[in-house]
Amino acid sequence: MPVLLSSLVRADLIFPRLEGTDRMGVLRAFAQALAERGVVRDADQLFERLWDREQLGSTAIGAGVAIPHCKLEQIHEVILAVGLSPAGVDFDSVDGKQVHVFFLVLSPADAPAEHLKSLAAISRWAKLDEHATRLMEMHDAASIYDLLREEPGE
């Protein structure tokens, strides 16, 4: 059964004005924010895992969207954080465009199928109905949360 983006979204993990002006800066900002919210204990460790994954190839999927992700031993469910960069960040995207919308996915190390299903759900959602473009126009977490909870066809 496919994972729905709406089942992954958490209002407390939406960041309408994500800090960072480059790939490292964005990943550090995410890691720090997740540590501050108690999602992970060690921001530096999370940053290192995200950066290691990013070195394998950019997680920018085009059209202003990136899905940085990694697997962690200490978590027990898929965690999604969403951040927006109004100015845009060069994330070495396949289409050369700046990234404005970031979906950060953390998955349990022992759940590869859930990891892949979550990435697929995000990619599907972002490509439909100009969702990513609509997100880029939003400035408050509540509006972003509401849009993220909409599933295609609703």
C-alpha atoms as a PDB file:
ATOM      1  CA  MET A   1       0.000   0.000   0.000  1.00  0.00           C
ATOM      2  CA  PRO A   2       1.424   3.419  -0.911  1.00  0.00           C
ATOM      3  CA  VAL A   3       2.315   5.944   1.749  1.00  0.00           C
ATOM      4  CA  LEU A   4       0.385   9.219   1.620  1.00  0.00           C
ATOM      5  CA  LEU A   5       2.222  12.478   2.200  1.00  0.00           C
ATOM      6  CA  SER A   6      -0.596  13.585   4.495  1.00  0.00           C
ATOM      7  CA  SER A   7       0.277  10.744   6.896  1.00  0.00           C
ATOM      8  CA  LEU A   8       3.863  11.992   7.248  1.00  0.00           C
ATOM      9  CA  VAL A   9       3.296  15.717   7.771  1.00  0.00           C
ATOM     10  CA  ARG A  10       3.816  17.226  11.221  1.00  0.00           C
ATOM     11  CA  ALA A  11       2.905  20.853  11.907  1.00  0.00           C
ATOM     12  CA  ASP A  12       5.878  21.279  14.261  1.00  0.00           C
ATOM     13  CA  LEU A  13       8.349  20.304  11.523  1.00  0.00           C
ATOM     14  CA  ILE A  14       7.446  22.963   8.966  1.00  0.00           C
ATOM     15  CA  PHE A  15       9.955  25.772   8.494  1.00  0.00           C
ATOM     16  CA  PRO A  16       8.638  28.570   6.226  1.00  0.00           C
ATOM     17  CA  ARG A  17      11.936  30.473   6.236  1.00  0.00           C
ATOM     18  CA  LEU A  18      14.698  27.914   6.312  1.00  0.00           C
ATOM     19  CA  GLU A  19      18.149  29.337   6.965  1.00  0.00           C
ATOM     20  CA  GLY A  20      21.034  28.440   4.699  1.00  0.00           C
ATOM     21  CA  THR A  21      22.360  29.846   1.460  1.00  0.00           C
ATOM     22  CA  ASP A  22      24.004  26.672   0.130  1.00  0.00           C
ATOM     23  CA  ARG A  23      23.576  22.886   0.402  1.00  0.00           C
ATOM     24  CA  MET A  24      25.637  22.567   3.572  1.00  0.00           C
ATOM     25  CA  GLY A  25      23.870  25.515   5.196  1.00  0.00           C
ATOM     26  CA  VAL A  26      20.391  24.142   4.487  1.00  0.00           C
ATOM     27  CA  LEU A  27      21.293  20.689   5.817  1.00  0.00           C
ATOM     28  CA  ARG A  28      22.864  22.217   8.947  1.00  0.00           C
ATOM     29  CA  ALA A  29      19.756  24.367   9.521  1.00  0.00           C
ATOM     30  CA  PHE A  30      17.499  21.324   9.234  1.00  0.00           C
ATOM     31  CA  ALA A  31      19.712  19.263  11.557  1.00  0.00           C
ATOM     32  CA  GLN A  32      19.759  22.021  14.173  1.00  0.00           C
ATOM     33  CA  ALA A  33      15.993  22.570  13.985  1.00  0.00           C
ATOM     34  CA  LEU A  34      15.287  18.846  14.369  1.00  0.00           C
ATOM     35  CA  ALA A  35      17.642  18.579  17.335  1.00  0.00           C
ATOM     36  CA  GLU A  36      15.962  21.605  18.973  1.00  0.00           C
ATOM     37  CA  ARG A  37      12.580  19.873  18.599  1.00  0.00           C
ATOM     38  CA  GLY A  38      13.871  16.631  20.088  1.00  0.00           C
ATOM     39  CA  VAL A  39      13.551  14.582  16.901  1.00  0.00           C
ATOM     40  CA  VAL A  40      17.258  13.714  17.074  1.00  0.00           C
ATOM     41  CA  ARG A  41      19.753  14.110  19.903  1.00  0.00           C
ATOM     42  CA  ASP A  42      22.786  15.166  17.890  1.00  0.00           C
ATOM     43  CA  ALA A  43      22.507  17.857  15.208  1.00  0.00           C
ATOM     44  CA  ASP A  44      26.087  17.328  14.060  1.00  0.00           C
ATOM     45  CA  GLN A  45      25.577  13.600  13.567  1.00  0.00           C
ATOM     46  CA  LEU A  46      22.400  14.195  11.566  1.00  0.00           C
ATOM     47  CA  PHE A  47      24.139  16.796   9.427  1.00  0.00           C
ATOM     48  CA  GLU A  48      26.984  14.352   8.709  1.00  0.00           C
ATOM     49  CA  ARG A  49      24.551  11.609   7.638  1.00  0.00           C
ATOM     50  CA  LEU A  50      22.638  14.019   5.386  1.00  0.00           C
ATOM     51  CA  TRP A  51      25.834  15.422   3.901  1.00  0.00           C
ATOM     52  CA  ASP A  52      27.247  11.929   3.282  1.00  0.00           C
ATOM     53  CA  ARG A  53      24.072  11.055   1.353  1.00  0.00           C
ATOM     54  CA  GLU A  54      24.206  14.318  -0.585  1.00  0.00           C
ATOM     55  CA  GLN A  55      27.765  13.520  -1.701  1.00  0.00           C
ATOM     56  CA  LEU A  56      26.443  10.446  -3.514  1.00  0.00           C
ATOM     57  CA  GLY A  57      24.399  12.746  -5.740  1.00  0.00           C
ATOM     58  CA  SER A  58      22.173  15.750  -5.314  1.00  0.00           C
ATOM     59  CA  THR A  59      18.754  15.065  -3.844  1.00  0.00           C
ATOM     60  CA  ALA A  60      17.276  17.951  -5.869  1.00  0.00           C
ATOM     61  CA  ILE A  61      14.649  16.459  -8.185  1.00  0.00           C
ATOM     62  CA  GLY A  62      14.036  19.555 -10.312  1.00  0.00           C
ATOM     63  CA  ALA A  63      11.289  22.180 -10.493  1.00  0.00           C
ATOM     64  CA  GLY A  64      12.593  23.875  -7.333  1.00  0.00           C
ATOM     65  CA  VAL A  65      12.282  20.779  -5.101  1.00  0.00           C
ATOM     66  CA  ALA A  66      14.844  18.713  -3.169  1.00  0.00           C
ATOM     67  CA  ILE A  67      14.324  15.654  -0.967  1.00  0.00           C
ATOM     68  CA  PRO A  68      17.391  15.312   1.269  1.00  0.00           C
ATOM     69  CA  HIS A  69      17.177  12.040   3.170  1.00  0.00           C
ATOM     70  CA  CYS A  70      19.006   9.476   5.250  1.00  0.00           C
ATOM     71  CA  LYS A  71      18.415   6.462   7.451  1.00  0.00           C
ATOM     72  CA  LEU A  72      19.044   6.532  11.205  1.00  0.00           C
ATOM     73  CA  GLU A  73      19.301   3.706  13.703  1.00  0.00           C
ATOM     74  CA  GLN A  74      17.766   5.697  16.580  1.00  0.00           C
ATOM     75  CA  ILE A  75      14.373   6.468  15.037  1.00  0.00           C
ATOM     76  CA  HIS A  76      11.411   4.109  14.748  1.00  0.00           C
ATOM     77  CA  GLU A  77       9.193   5.789  12.170  1.00  0.00           C
ATOM     78  CA  VAL A  78       9.600   7.916   9.055  1.00  0.00           C
ATOM     79  CA  ILE A  79       9.974  11.594   9.936  1.00  0.00           C
ATOM     80  CA  LEU A  80       9.284  14.361   7.442  1.00  0.00           C
ATOM     81  CA  ALA A  81      10.369  17.981   7.864  1.00  0.00           C
ATOM     82  CA  VAL A  82       9.519  20.623   5.280  1.00  0.00           C
ATOM     83  CA  GLY A  83      11.434  23.830   4.715  1.00  0.00           C
ATOM     84  CA  LEU A  84      11.123  26.716   2.306  1.00  0.00           C
ATOM     85  CA  SER A  85      13.879  28.994   1.077  1.00  0.00           C
ATOM     86  CA  PRO A  86      12.255  32.065  -0.467  1.00  0.00           C
ATOM     87  CA  ALA A  87      15.577  33.206  -1.955  1.00  0.00           C
ATOM     88  CA  GLY A  88      16.380  29.777  -3.358  1.00  0.00           C
ATOM     89  CA  VAL A  89      19.496  27.657  -2.943  1.00  0.00           C
ATOM     90  CA  ASP A  90      21.854  26.158  -5.510  1.00  0.00           C
ATOM     91  CA  PHE A  91      21.417  22.465  -4.709  1.00  0.00           C
ATOM     92  CA  ASP A  92      23.052  21.093  -7.870  1.00  0.00           C
ATOM     93  CA  SER A  93      19.616  20.296  -9.282  1.00  0.00           C
ATOM     94  CA  VAL A  94      19.212  18.157 -12.392  1.00  0.00           C
ATOM     95  CA  ASP A  95      17.469  21.045 -14.171  1.00  0.00           C
ATOM     96  CA  GLY A  96      19.906  23.706 -12.909  1.00  0.00           C
ATOM     97  CA  LYS A  97      17.146  25.606 -11.088  1.00  0.00           C
ATOM     98  CA  GLN A  98      17.421  26.971  -7.566  1.00  0.00           C
ATOM     99  CA  VAL A  99      15.661  24.906  -4.903  1.00  0.00           C
ATOM    100  CA  HIS A 100      12.959  26.606  -2.846  1.00  0.00           C
ATOM    101  CA  VAL A 101      11.112  23.612  -1.348  1.00  0.00           C
ATOM    102  CA  PHE A 102      12.849  20.995   0.789  1.00  0.00           C
ATOM    103  CA  PHE A 103      11.304  17.762   2.025  1.00  0.00           C
ATOM    104  CA  LEU A 104      13.713  16.220   4.540  1.00  0.00           C
ATOM    105  CA  VAL A 105      13.083  12.513   5.163  1.00  0.00           C
ATOM    106  CA  LEU A 106      14.548  10.514   8.046  1.00  0.00           C
ATOM    107  CA  SER A 107      13.797   6.808   8.069  1.00  0.00           C
ATOM    108  CA  PRO A 108      14.577   3.938  10.435  1.00  0.00           C
ATOM    109  CA  ALA A 109      17.672   2.075   9.267  1.00  0.00           C
ATOM    110  CA  ASP A 110      15.756  -1.209   9.302  1.00  0.00           C
ATOM    111  CA  ALA A 111      12.825  -0.009   7.143  1.00  0.00           C
ATOM    112  CA  PRO A 112      14.090   0.394   3.560  1.00  0.00           C
ATOM    113  CA  ALA A 113      10.657  -0.204   2.020  1.00  0.00           C
ATOM    114  CA  GLU A 114       9.051   2.567   4.094  1.00  0.00           C
ATOM    115  CA  HIS A 115      11.936   4.864   3.153  1.00  0.00           C
ATOM    116  CA  LEU A 116      11.360   4.307  -0.570  1.00  0.00           C
ATOM    117  CA  LYS A 117       7.570   4.583  -0.259  1.00  0.00           C
ATOM    118  CA  SER A 118       7.945   7.911   1.554  1.00  0.00           C
ATOM    119  CA  LEU A 119      10.288   9.313  -1.093  1.00  0.00           C
ATOM    120  CA  ALA A 120       7.858   8.193  -3.803  1.00  0.00           C
ATOM    121  CA  ALA A 121       4.876   9.795  -2.016  1.00  0.00           C
ATOM    122  CA  ILE A 122       6.699  13.121  -1.761  1.00  0.00           C
ATOM    123  CA  SER A 123       7.805  13.048  -5.373  1.00  0.00           C
ATOM    124  CA  ARG A 124       4.281  12.176  -6.558  1.00  0.00           C
ATOM    125  CA  TRP A 125       2.698  14.929  -4.461  1.00  0.00           C
ATOM    126  CA  ALA A 126       5.217  17.606  -5.461  1.00  0.00           C
ATOM    127  CA  LYS A 127       4.737  16.972  -9.186  1.00  0.00           C
ATOM    128  CA  LEU A 128       0.924  17.151  -9.141  1.00  0.00           C
ATOM    129  CA  ASP A 129      -1.317  20.189  -9.402  1.00  0.00           C
ATOM    130  CA  GLU A 130       1.601  22.615  -9.173  1.00  0.00           C
ATOM    131  CA  HIS A 131       1.890  21.816  -5.469  1.00  0.00           C
ATOM    132  CA  ALA A 132       5.547  22.865  -5.291  1.00  0.00           C
ATOM    133  CA  THR A 133       4.801  26.182  -6.985  1.00  0.00           C
ATOM    134  CA  ARG A 134       1.925  26.795  -4.581  1.00  0.00           C
ATOM    135  CA  LEU A 135       4.176  26.016  -1.606  1.00  0.00           C
ATOM    136  CA  MET A 136       6.764  28.540  -2.802  1.00  0.00           C
ATOM    137  CA  GLU A 137       4.125  31.267  -2.554  1.00  0.00           C
ATOM    138  CA  MET A 138       3.286  30.516   1.090  1.00  0.00           C
ATOM    139  CA  HIS A 139       4.788  32.235   4.113  1.00  0.00           C
ATOM    140  CA  ASP A 140       3.185  30.684   7.191  1.00  0.00           C
ATOM    141  CA  ALA A 141       3.418  27.181   8.630  1.00  0.00           C
ATOM    142  CA  ALA A 142      -0.361  26.723   8.995  1.00  0.00           C
ATOM    143  CA  SER A 143      -1.044  27.321   5.280  1.00  0.00           C
ATOM    144  CA  ILE A 144       1.851  25.068   4.310  1.00  0.00           C
ATOM    145  CA  TYR A 145       0.568  22.338   6.622  1.00  0.00           C
ATOM    146  CA  ASP A 146      -2.935  22.571   5.133  1.00  0.00           C
ATOM    147  CA  LEU A 147      -1.637  22.274   1.580  1.00  0.00           C
ATOM    148  CA  LEU A 148       0.617  19.337   2.498  1.00  0.00           C
ATOM    149  CA  ARG A 149      -2.378  17.514   3.947  1.00  0.00           C
ATOM    150  CA  GLU A 150      -4.240  17.726   0.611  1.00  0.00           C
ATOM    151  CA  GLU A 151      -3.986  14.532  -1.350  1.00  0.00           C
ATOM    152  CA  PRO A 152      -4.332  14.503  -5.141  1.00  0.00           C
ATOM    153  CA  GLY A 153      -7.955  14.286  -6.199  1.00  0.00           C
ATOM    154  CA  GLU A 154      -9.345  16.009  -3.088  1.00  0.00           C
END
